[in-house]
């Protein structure tokens, strides 16, 4: 193996590691954001239902 070739191989493997790291971080962030938004949405629906229930109780009294 010539020095240039080994340099290219190590450089490309480092580059692929960076790409994989970037992809996994991006995927993790996307998943985290999606779950967070879904959780907030569910929380919002829950509070909305509870407030509707409270209003209904107040109307009944």
PDB file of N, CA and C in Angstrom:
ATOM      1  N   UNK A   1       0.841  -1.193   0.000  1.00  0.00           N
ATOM      2  CA  UNK A   1       0.000   0.000   0.000  1.00  0.00           C
ATOM      3  C   UNK A   1       0.887   1.259   0.000  1.00  0.00           C
ATOM      4  N   UNK A   2       0.602   2.153  -0.887  1.00  0.00           N
ATOM      5  CA  UNK A   2       1.370   3.403  -0.910  1.00  0.00           C
ATOM      6  C   UNK A   2       0.866   4.335   0.186  1.00  0.00           C
ATOM      7  N   UNK A   3       1.699   5.247   0.647  1.00  0.00           N
ATOM      8  CA  UNK A   3       1.271   6.176   1.708  1.00  0.00           C
ATOM      9  C   UNK A   3       0.034   6.991   1.321  1.00  0.00           C
ATOM     10  N   UNK A   4      -0.039   7.405   0.037  1.00  0.00           N
ATOM     11  CA  UNK A   4      -1.192   8.187  -0.405  1.00  0.00           C
ATOM     12  C   UNK A   4      -2.476   7.371  -0.302  1.00  0.00           C
ATOM     13  N   UNK A   5      -2.380   6.103  -0.684  1.00  0.00           N
ATOM     14  CA  UNK A   5      -3.560   5.237  -0.669  1.00  0.00           C
ATOM     15  C   UNK A   5      -4.025   4.984   0.761  1.00  0.00           C
ATOM     16  N   UNK A   6      -3.075   4.698   1.651  1.00  0.00           N
ATOM     17  CA  UNK A   6      -3.451   4.460   3.050  1.00  0.00           C
ATOM     18  C   UNK A   6      -4.034   5.730   3.666  1.00  0.00           C
ATOM     19  N   UNK A   7      -3.485   6.892   3.284  1.00  0.00           N
ATOM     20  CA  UNK A   7      -4.013   8.164   3.775  1.00  0.00           C
ATOM     21  C   UNK A   7      -5.458   8.345   3.311  1.00  0.00           C
ATOM     22  N   UNK A   8      -5.713   8.027   2.035  1.00  0.00           N
ATOM     23  CA  UNK A   8      -7.070   8.145   1.490  1.00  0.00           C
ATOM     24  C   UNK A   8      -8.032   7.206   2.197  1.00  0.00           C
ATOM     25  N   UNK A   9      -7.588   5.987   2.468  1.00  0.00           N
ATOM     26  CA  UNK A   9      -8.437   4.997   3.134  1.00  0.00           C
ATOM     27  C   UNK A   9      -8.793   5.455   4.543  1.00  0.00           C
ATOM     28  N   UNK A  10      -7.761   5.909   5.302  1.00  0.00           N
ATOM     29  CA  UNK A  10      -8.046   6.368   6.667  1.00  0.00           C
ATOM     30  C   UNK A  10      -8.927   7.604   6.636  1.00  0.00           C
ATOM     31  N   UNK A  11      -8.695   8.462   5.661  1.00  0.00           N
ATOM     32  CA  UNK A  11      -9.495   9.682   5.568  1.00  0.00           C
ATOM     33  C   UNK A  11     -10.950   9.350   5.238  1.00  0.00           C
ATOM     34  N   UNK A  12     -11.163   8.423   4.314  1.00  0.00           N
ATOM     35  CA  UNK A  12     -12.534   8.069   3.934  1.00  0.00           C
ATOM     36  C   UNK A  12     -13.248   7.350   5.077  1.00  0.00           C
ATOM     37  N   UNK A  13     -12.514   6.526   5.838  1.00  0.00           N
ATOM     38  CA  UNK A  13     -13.164   5.841   6.964  1.00  0.00           C
ATOM     39  C   UNK A  13     -13.533   6.846   8.054  1.00  0.00           C
ATOM     40  N   UNK A  14     -12.655   7.842   8.275  1.00  0.00           N
ATOM     41  CA  UNK A  14     -12.978   8.894   9.241  1.00  0.00           C
ATOM     42  C   UNK A  14     -14.193   9.682   8.772  1.00  0.00           C
ATOM     43  N   UNK A  15     -14.231   9.962   7.482  1.00  0.00           N
ATOM     44  CA  UNK A  15     -15.344  10.717   6.909  1.00  0.00           C
ATOM     45  C   UNK A  15     -16.646   9.937   7.060  1.00  0.00           C
ATOM     46  N   UNK A  16     -16.598   8.620   6.783  1.00  0.00           N
ATOM     47  CA  UNK A  16     -17.813   7.814   6.917  1.00  0.00           C
ATOM     48  C   UNK A  16     -18.261   7.743   8.378  1.00  0.00           C
ATOM     49  N   UNK A  17     -17.294   7.707   9.308  1.00  0.00           N
ATOM     50  CA  UNK A  17     -17.650   7.729  10.734  1.00  0.00           C
ATOM     51  C   UNK A  17     -18.357   9.035  11.078  1.00  0.00           C
ATOM     52  N   UNK A  18     -17.848  10.160  10.555  1.00  0.00           N
ATOM     53  CA  UNK A  18     -18.468  11.465  10.807  1.00  0.00           C
ATOM     54  C   UNK A  18     -19.875  11.501  10.229  1.00  0.00           C
ATOM     55  N   UNK A  19     -20.022  10.960   9.032  1.00  0.00           N
ATOM     56  CA  UNK A  19     -21.338  10.934   8.374  1.00  0.00           C
ATOM     57  C   UNK A  19     -22.319  10.114   9.199  1.00  0.00           C
ATOM     58  N   UNK A  20     -21.865   8.924   9.647  1.00  0.00           N
ATOM     59  CA  UNK A  20     -22.738   8.068  10.454  1.00  0.00           C
ATOM     60  C   UNK A  20     -23.102   8.734  11.770  1.00  0.00           C
ATOM     61  N   UNK A  21     -22.118   9.418  12.388  1.00  0.00           N
ATOM     62  CA  UNK A  21     -22.370  10.104  13.651  1.00  0.00           C
ATOM     63  C   UNK A  21     -23.387  11.221  13.421  1.00  0.00           C
ATOM     64  N   UNK A  22     -23.186  11.977  12.351  1.00  0.00           N
ATOM     65  CA  UNK A  22     -24.118  13.056  12.024  1.00  0.00           C
ATOM     66  C   UNK A  22     -25.515  12.533  11.768  1.00  0.00           C
ATOM     67  N   UNK A  23     -25.605  11.415  11.040  1.00  0.00           N
ATOM     68  CA  UNK A  23     -26.915  10.832  10.740  1.00  0.00           C
ATOM     69  C   UNK A  23     -27.598  10.338  12.003  1.00  0.00           C
ATOM     70  N   UNK A  24     -26.839   9.663  12.866  1.00  0.00           N
ATOM     71  CA  UNK A  24     -27.445   9.122  14.091  1.00  0.00           C
ATOM     72  C   UNK A  24     -27.872  10.248  15.024  1.00  0.00           C
ATOM     73  N   UNK A  25     -27.064  11.309  15.110  1.00  0.00           N
ATOM     74  CA  UNK A  25     -27.429  12.459  15.946  1.00  0.00           C
ATOM     75  C   UNK A  25     -28.681  13.128  15.382  1.00  0.00           C
ATOM     76  N   UNK A  26     -28.715  13.298  14.058  1.00  0.00           N
ATOM     77  CA  UNK A  26     -29.881  13.901  13.418  1.00  0.00           C
ATOM     78  C   UNK A  26     -31.126  13.063  13.637  1.00  0.00           C
ATOM     79  N   UNK A  27     -30.980  11.755  13.505  1.00  0.00           N
ATOM     80  CA  UNK A  27     -32.110  10.846  13.715  1.00  0.00           C
ATOM     81  C   UNK A  27     -32.576  10.911  15.161  1.00  0.00           C
ATOM     82  N   UNK A  28     -31.630  10.919  16.090  1.00  0.00           N
ATOM     83  CA  UNK A  28     -31.964  11.012  17.514  1.00  0.00           C
ATOM     84  C   UNK A  28     -32.690  12.300  17.836  1.00  0.00           C
ATOM     85  N   UNK A  29     -32.194  13.405  17.287  1.00  0.00           N
ATOM     86  CA  UNK A  29     -32.833  14.704  17.526  1.00  0.00           C
ATOM     87  C   UNK A  29     -34.234  14.727  16.928  1.00  0.00           C
ATOM     88  N   UNK A  30     -34.372  14.189  15.724  1.00  0.00           N
ATOM     89  CA  UNK A  30     -35.686  14.151  15.079  1.00  0.00           C
ATOM     90  C   UNK A  30     -36.674  13.310  15.869  1.00  0.00           C
ATOM     91  N   UNK A  31     -36.221  12.152  16.329  1.00  0.00           N
ATOM     92  CA  UNK A  31     -37.067  11.273  17.136  1.00  0.00           C
ATOM     93  C   UNK A  31     -37.446  11.934  18.448  1.00  0.00           C
ATOM     94  N   UNK A  32     -36.462  12.547  19.094  1.00  0.00           N
ATOM     95  CA  UNK A  32     -36.708  13.229  20.366  1.00  0.00           C
ATOM     96  C   UNK A  32     -37.714  14.352  20.208  1.00  0.00           C
ATOM     97  N   UNK A  33     -37.539  15.144  19.152  1.00  0.00           N
ATOM     98  CA  UNK A  33     -38.454  16.261  18.906  1.00  0.00           C
ATOM     99  C   UNK A  33     -39.858  15.747  18.609  1.00  0.00           C
ATOM    100  N   UNK A  34     -39.955  14.667  17.828  1.00  0.00           N
ATOM    101  CA  UNK A  34     -41.259  14.090  17.509  1.00  0.00           C
ATOM    102  C   UNK A  34     -41.971  13.577  18.746  1.00  0.00           C
ATOM    103  N   UNK A  35     -41.239  12.865  19.596  1.00  0.00           N
ATOM    104  CA  UNK A  35     -41.825  12.345  20.836  1.00  0.00           C
ATOM    105  C   UNK A  35     -42.234  13.479  21.761  1.00  0.00           C
ATOM    106  N   UNK A  36     -41.388  14.512  21.831  1.00  0.00           N
ATOM    107  CA  UNK A  36     -41.680  15.660  22.698  1.00  0.00           C
ATOM    108  C   UNK A  36     -42.949  16.364  22.231  1.00  0.00           C
ATOM    109  N   UNK A  37     -43.053  16.580  20.913  1.00  0.00           N
ATOM    110  CA  UNK A  37     -44.243  17.234  20.360  1.00  0.00           C
ATOM    111  C   UNK A  37     -45.483  16.384  20.591  1.00  0.00           C
ATOM    112  N   UNK A  38     -45.350  15.077  20.385  1.00  0.00           N
ATOM    113  CA  UNK A  38     -46.472  14.155  20.594  1.00  0.00           C
ATOM    114  C   UNK A  38     -46.915  14.184  22.049  1.00  0.00           C
ATOM    115  N   UNK A  39     -45.947  14.192  22.965  1.00  0.00           N
ATOM    116  CA  UNK A  39     -46.257  14.257  24.394  1.00  0.00           C
ATOM    117  C   UNK A  39     -46.969  15.545  24.755  1.00  0.00           C
ATOM    118  N   UNK A  40     -46.475  16.659  24.212  1.00  0.00           N
ATOM    119  CA  UNK A  40     -47.105  17.951  24.486  1.00  0.00           C
ATOM    120  C   UNK A  40     -48.517  17.986  23.928  1.00  0.00           C
ATOM    121  N   UNK A  41     -48.698  17.402  22.738  1.00  0.00           N
ATOM    122  CA  UNK A  41     -50.013  17.386  22.103  1.00  0.00           C
ATOM    123  C   UNK A  41     -50.996  16.569  22.943  1.00  0.00           C
ATOM    124  N   UNK A  42     -50.532  15.421  23.423  1.00  0.00           N
ATOM    125  CA  UNK A  42     -51.383  14.570  24.268  1.00  0.00           C
ATOM    126  C   UNK A  42     -51.714  15.298  25.568  1.00  0.00           C
ATOM    127  N   UNK A  43     -50.726  15.973  26.137  1.00  0.00           N
ATOM    128  CA  UNK A  43     -50.930  16.730  27.371  1.00  0.00           C
ATOM    129  C   UNK A  43     -51.958  17.828  27.132  1.00  0.00           C
ATOM    130  N   UNK A  44     -51.852  18.501  26.005  1.00  0.00           N
ATOM    131  CA  UNK A  44     -52.774  19.584  25.662  1.00  0.00           C
ATOM    132  C   UNK A  44     -54.197  19.045  25.515  1.00  0.00           C
ATOM    133  N   UNK A  45     -54.323  17.913  24.821  1.00  0.00           N
ATOM    134  CA  UNK A  45     -55.658  17.305  24.654  1.00  0.00           C
ATOM    135  C   UNK A  45     -56.243  16.922  26.003  1.00  0.00           C
ATOM    136  N   UNK A  46     -55.397  16.378  26.875  1.00  0.00           N
ATOM    137  CA  UNK A  46     -55.838  15.940  28.196  1.00  0.00           C
ATOM    138  C   UNK A  46     -56.349  17.141  29.004  1.00  0.00           C
ATOM    139  N   UNK A  47     -55.572  18.222  29.022  1.00  0.00           N
ATOM    140  CA  UNK A  47     -55.978  19.407  29.785  1.00  0.00           C
ATOM    141  C   UNK A  47     -57.240  20.011  29.181  1.00  0.00           C
ATOM    142  N   UNK A  48     -57.351  19.945  27.864  1.00  0.00           N
ATOM    143  CA  UNK A  48     -58.548  20.483  27.210  1.00  0.00           C
ATOM    144  C   UNK A  48     -59.774  19.668  27.626  1.00  0.00           C
ATOM    145  N   UNK A  49     -59.634  18.349  27.630  1.00  0.00           N
ATOM    146  CA  UNK A  49     -60.739  17.472  28.056  1.00  0.00           C
ATOM    147  C   UNK A  49     -61.108  17.738  29.511  1.00  0.00           C
ATOM    148  N   UNK A  50     -60.084  17.877  30.356  1.00  0.00           N
ATOM    149  CA  UNK A  50     -60.335  18.135  31.780  1.00  0.00           C
ATOM    150  C   UNK A  50     -61.055  19.462  31.969  1.00  0.00           C
ATOM    151  N   UNK A  51     -60.636  20.490  31.234  1.00  0.00           N
ATOM    152  CA  UNK A  51     -61.280  21.798  31.377  1.00  0.00           C
ATOM    153  C   UNK A  51     -62.721  21.739  30.864  1.00  0.00           C
ATOM    154  N   UNK A  52     -62.952  20.960  29.806  1.00  0.00           N
ATOM    155  CA  UNK A  52     -64.322  20.781  29.301  1.00  0.00           C
ATOM    156  C   UNK A  52     -65.166  20.092  30.362  1.00  0.00           C
ATOM    157  N   UNK A  53     -64.597  19.068  31.012  1.00  0.00           N
ATOM    158  CA  UNK A  53     -65.297  18.357  32.087  1.00  0.00           C
ATOM    159  C   UNK A  53     -65.612  19.279  33.253  1.00  0.00           C
ATOM    160  N   UNK A  54     -64.666  20.133  33.623  1.00  0.00           N
ATOM    161  CA  UNK A  54     -64.876  21.084  34.721  1.00  0.00           C
ATOM    162  C   UNK A  54     -65.979  22.070  34.348  1.00  0.00           C
ATOM    163  N   UNK A  55     -65.943  22.577  33.128  1.00  0.00           N
ATOM    164  CA  UNK A  55     -66.983  23.507  32.666  1.00  0.00           C
ATOM    165  C   UNK A  55     -68.351  22.836  32.693  1.00  0.00           C
ATOM    166  N   UNK A  56     -68.403  21.580  32.269  1.00  0.00           N
ATOM    167  CA  UNK A  56     -69.666  20.834  32.241  1.00  0.00           C
ATOM    168  C   UNK A  56     -70.203  20.662  33.662  1.00  0.00           C
ATOM    169  N   UNK A  57     -69.294  20.364  34.612  1.00  0.00           N
ATOM    170  CA  UNK A  57     -69.687  20.234  36.022  1.00  0.00           C
ATOM    171  C   UNK A  57     -70.219  21.562  36.549  1.00  0.00           C
ATOM    172  N   UNK A  58     -69.561  22.652  36.216  1.00  0.00           N
ATOM    173  CA  UNK A  58     -69.994  23.978  36.668  1.00  0.00           C
ATOM    174  C   UNK A  58     -71.370  24.313  36.104  1.00  0.00           C
ATOM    175  N   UNK A  59     -71.609  23.920  34.856  1.00  0.00           N
ATOM    176  CA  UNK A  59     -72.916  24.166  34.232  1.00  0.00           C
ATOM    177  C   UNK A  59     -73.992  23.346  34.935  1.00  0.00           C
ATOM    178  N   UNK A  60     -73.662  22.113  35.323  1.00  0.00           N
ATOM    179  CA  UNK A  60     -74.633  21.228  35.973  1.00  0.00           C
ATOM    180  C   UNK A  60     -75.036  21.737  37.361  1.00  0.00           C
ATOM    181  N   UNK A  61     -74.123  22.436  38.054  1.00  0.00           N
ATOM    182  CA  UNK A  61     -74.396  22.880  39.435  1.00  0.00           C
ATOM    183  C   UNK A  61     -75.427  23.993  39.460  1.00  0.00           C
TER     184      UNK A  61
END
